[in-house]
Amino acid sequence: MSGFTSSFLGIGTGTGHAWVCDGVYKESSENYHYVEFLIDNSGDYYYEWDKNICTPSSPIYTGGYISRYFHMNWGWYSYSDGWFTGNDVNSSEGNYNHVRKNIYVSR
């Protein structure tokens, strides 16, 4: 990858740098909930569900998230290397998010 610390009219200005993205990690979470009702304070409980959403023995899905982390090897002898999210390329030496490019090497 490559990028600059600033840009003007789409042209990289400031400090430029090239580095290697050498790994990706995906983290996800899903949320499920059961809905339970008390019948007339009798102590008897029953489950309510929408037949289009779930069955009595399964929970209701209420969403979740997916996060992707990219491992950046900045080329500074492991200094500042680490996992970054999405477009975050803010190293301790600068934020190289301007005029970003992915460079592919093929054999």
C-alpha atoms as a PDB file:
ATOM      1  CA  MET A   1       0.000   0.000   0.000  1.00  0.00           C
ATOM      2  CA  SER A   2       1.049   3.602  -0.349  1.00  0.00           C
ATOM      3  CA  GLY A   3      -0.235   6.958   0.786  1.00  0.00           C
ATOM      4  CA  PHE A   4       0.615  10.504   1.800  1.00  0.00           C
ATOM      5  CA  THR A   5       0.099  12.531   4.963  1.00  0.00           C
ATOM      6  CA  SER A   6      -1.749  15.254   3.013  1.00  0.00           C
ATOM      7  CA  SER A   7      -3.026  16.065  -0.459  1.00  0.00           C
ATOM      8  CA  PHE A   8      -3.987  18.990  -2.635  1.00  0.00           C
ATOM      9  CA  LEU A   9      -6.389  18.591  -5.571  1.00  0.00           C
ATOM     10  CA  GLY A  10      -5.908  14.818  -5.506  1.00  0.00           C
ATOM     11  CA  ILE A  11      -2.109  15.009  -5.608  1.00  0.00           C
ATOM     12  CA  GLY A  12      -0.152  13.588  -2.693  1.00  0.00           C
ATOM     13  CA  THR A  13       1.709  16.192  -0.663  1.00  0.00           C
ATOM     14  CA  GLY A  14       3.520  15.959   2.629  1.00  0.00           C
ATOM     15  CA  THR A  15       5.310  12.771   3.543  1.00  0.00           C
ATOM     16  CA  GLY A  16       4.735   9.685   1.394  1.00  0.00           C
ATOM     17  CA  HIS A  17       5.262   6.093   2.453  1.00  0.00           C
ATOM     18  CA  ALA A  18       4.764   2.535   1.152  1.00  0.00           C
ATOM     19  CA  TRP A  19       4.082  -0.430   3.452  1.00  0.00           C
ATOM     20  CA  VAL A  20       2.810  -4.024   3.441  1.00  0.00           C
ATOM     21  CA  CYS A  21      -0.616  -5.193   4.578  1.00  0.00           C
ATOM     22  CA  ASP A  22       0.232  -8.778   5.511  1.00  0.00           C
ATOM     23  CA  GLY A  23      -2.895 -10.053   7.222  1.00  0.00           C
ATOM     24  CA  VAL A  24      -6.638  -9.659   7.682  1.00  0.00           C
ATOM     25  CA  TYR A  25      -8.854 -10.698  10.583  1.00  0.00           C
ATOM     26  CA  LYS A  26     -12.655 -10.675  10.636  1.00  0.00           C
ATOM     27  CA  GLU A  27     -14.567 -10.429  13.896  1.00  0.00           C
ATOM     28  CA  SER A  28     -18.331 -10.766  14.055  1.00  0.00           C
ATOM     29  CA  SER A  29     -21.038 -10.806  16.662  1.00  0.00           C
ATOM     30  CA  GLU A  30     -24.676 -11.804  16.443  1.00  0.00           C
ATOM     31  CA  ASN A  31     -27.392 -10.895  18.943  1.00  0.00           C
ATOM     32  CA  TYR A  32     -30.364 -13.151  19.706  1.00  0.00           C
ATOM     33  CA  HIS A  33     -33.147 -12.591  22.235  1.00  0.00           C
ATOM     34  CA  TYR A  34     -35.973 -14.674  23.654  1.00  0.00           C
ATOM     35  CA  VAL A  35     -39.262 -12.965  24.459  1.00  0.00           C
ATOM     36  CA  GLU A  36     -41.024 -14.376  27.515  1.00  0.00           C
ATOM     37  CA  PHE A  37     -44.362 -13.327  29.033  1.00  0.00           C
ATOM     38  CA  LEU A  38     -45.980 -13.991  32.425  1.00  0.00           C
ATOM     39  CA  ILE A  39     -49.653 -15.042  32.220  1.00  0.00           C
ATOM     40  CA  ASP A  40     -51.818 -13.070  34.728  1.00  0.00           C
ATOM     41  CA  ASN A  41     -49.176 -13.260  37.504  1.00  0.00           C
ATOM     42  CA  SER A  42     -49.973 -16.992  37.761  1.00  0.00           C
ATOM     43  CA  GLY A  43     -46.340 -17.999  37.703  1.00  0.00           C
ATOM     44  CA  ASP A  44     -46.818 -19.636  34.296  1.00  0.00           C
ATOM     45  CA  TYR A  45     -44.627 -18.315  31.515  1.00  0.00           C
ATOM     46  CA  TYR A  46     -44.983 -18.730  27.783  1.00  0.00           C
ATOM     47  CA  TYR A  47     -42.875 -17.704  24.814  1.00  0.00           C
ATOM     48  CA  GLU A  48     -44.255 -15.339  22.202  1.00  0.00           C
ATOM     49  CA  TRP A  49     -42.815 -15.365  18.709  1.00  0.00           C
ATOM     50  CA  ASP A  50     -43.511 -14.294  15.189  1.00  0.00           C
ATOM     51  CA  LYS A  51     -43.680 -17.433  13.063  1.00  0.00           C
ATOM     52  CA  ASN A  52     -41.914 -15.576  10.251  1.00  0.00           C
ATOM     53  CA  ILE A  53     -38.956 -14.765  12.505  1.00  0.00           C
ATOM     54  CA  CYS A  54     -38.384 -17.793  14.737  1.00  0.00           C
ATOM     55  CA  THR A  55     -39.866 -20.908  16.307  1.00  0.00           C
ATOM     56  CA  PRO A  56     -40.721 -21.372  19.995  1.00  0.00           C
ATOM     57  CA  SER A  57     -37.387 -23.061  20.589  1.00  0.00           C
ATOM     58  CA  SER A  58     -35.246 -20.493  18.799  1.00  0.00           C
ATOM     59  CA  PRO A  59     -34.459 -16.878  19.648  1.00  0.00           C
ATOM     60  CA  ILE A  60     -35.191 -13.741  17.649  1.00  0.00           C
ATOM     61  CA  TYR A  61     -32.214 -12.386  15.729  1.00  0.00           C
ATOM     62  CA  THR A  62     -31.796  -8.686  16.503  1.00  0.00           C
ATOM     63  CA  GLY A  63     -28.653  -7.770  14.575  1.00  0.00           C
ATOM     64  CA  GLY A  64     -24.928  -7.846  14.961  1.00  0.00           C
ATOM     65  CA  TYR A  65     -21.731  -6.439  13.522  1.00  0.00           C
ATOM     66  CA  ILE A  66     -18.715  -7.385  11.459  1.00  0.00           C
ATOM     67  CA  SER A  67     -15.348  -5.708  11.925  1.00  0.00           C
ATOM     68  CA  ARG A  68     -12.330  -6.231   9.707  1.00  0.00           C
ATOM     69  CA  TYR A  69      -8.818  -5.634  10.974  1.00  0.00           C
ATOM     70  CA  PHE A  70      -5.780  -5.360   8.728  1.00  0.00           C
ATOM     71  CA  HIS A  71      -2.236  -6.024   9.912  1.00  0.00           C
ATOM     72  CA  MET A  72       0.105  -3.304   8.708  1.00  0.00           C
ATOM     73  CA  ASN A  73       3.837  -3.894   8.469  1.00  0.00           C
ATOM     74  CA  TRP A  74       5.171  -0.364   8.183  1.00  0.00           C
ATOM     75  CA  GLY A  75       8.740  -1.444   7.364  1.00  0.00           C
ATOM     76  CA  TRP A  76      10.264   0.249  10.398  1.00  0.00           C
ATOM     77  CA  TYR A  77      11.663  -2.925  12.047  1.00  0.00           C
ATOM     78  CA  SER A  78       8.305  -3.745  13.715  1.00  0.00           C
ATOM     79  CA  TYR A  79       7.920  -0.206  15.059  1.00  0.00           C
ATOM     80  CA  SER A  80       4.231   0.770  14.908  1.00  0.00           C
ATOM     81  CA  ASP A  81       3.195  -2.529  13.236  1.00  0.00           C
ATOM     82  CA  GLY A  82      -0.227  -3.704  14.321  1.00  0.00           C
ATOM     83  CA  TRP A  83      -3.886  -4.312  13.552  1.00  0.00           C
ATOM     84  CA  PHE A  84      -5.891  -1.420  12.096  1.00  0.00           C
ATOM     85  CA  THR A  85      -9.583  -1.177  11.229  1.00  0.00           C
ATOM     86  CA  GLY A  86     -10.991  -0.340   7.821  1.00  0.00           C
ATOM     87  CA  ASN A  87      -9.285   2.658   6.265  1.00  0.00           C
ATOM     88  CA  ASP A  88      -7.348   3.550   9.426  1.00  0.00           C
ATOM     89  CA  VAL A  89      -3.700   3.875   8.404  1.00  0.00           C
ATOM     90  CA  ASN A  90      -2.709   6.266  11.160  1.00  0.00           C
ATOM     91  CA  SER A  91       0.717   5.078  12.308  1.00  0.00           C
ATOM     92  CA  SER A  92       2.748   6.727  15.029  1.00  0.00           C
ATOM     93  CA  GLU A  93       4.819   8.299  12.226  1.00  0.00           C
ATOM     94  CA  GLY A  94       1.842   9.861  10.448  1.00  0.00           C
ATOM     95  CA  ASN A  95      -1.560   9.277   8.883  1.00  0.00           C
ATOM     96  CA  TYR A  96      -1.019   8.050   5.322  1.00  0.00           C
ATOM     97  CA  ASN A  97      -4.699   8.095   4.366  1.00  0.00           C
ATOM     98  CA  HIS A  98      -4.375  10.618   1.512  1.00  0.00           C
ATOM     99  CA  VAL A  99      -4.090   9.458  -2.127  1.00  0.00           C
ATOM    100  CA  ARG A 100      -4.107   5.845  -0.900  1.00  0.00           C
ATOM    101  CA  LYS A 101      -3.233   3.114  -3.369  1.00  0.00           C
ATOM    102  CA  ASN A 102      -3.045  -0.630  -3.182  1.00  0.00           C
ATOM    103  CA  ILE A 103       0.021  -1.928  -4.997  1.00  0.00           C
ATOM    104  CA  TYR A 104      -0.127  -5.512  -6.256  1.00  0.00           C
ATOM    105  CA  VAL A 105       2.932  -7.537  -7.176  1.00  0.00           C
ATOM    106  CA  SER A 106       2.377 -10.546  -9.395  1.00  0.00           C
ATOM    107  CA  ARG A 107       4.796 -13.153 -10.596  1.00  0.00           C
END
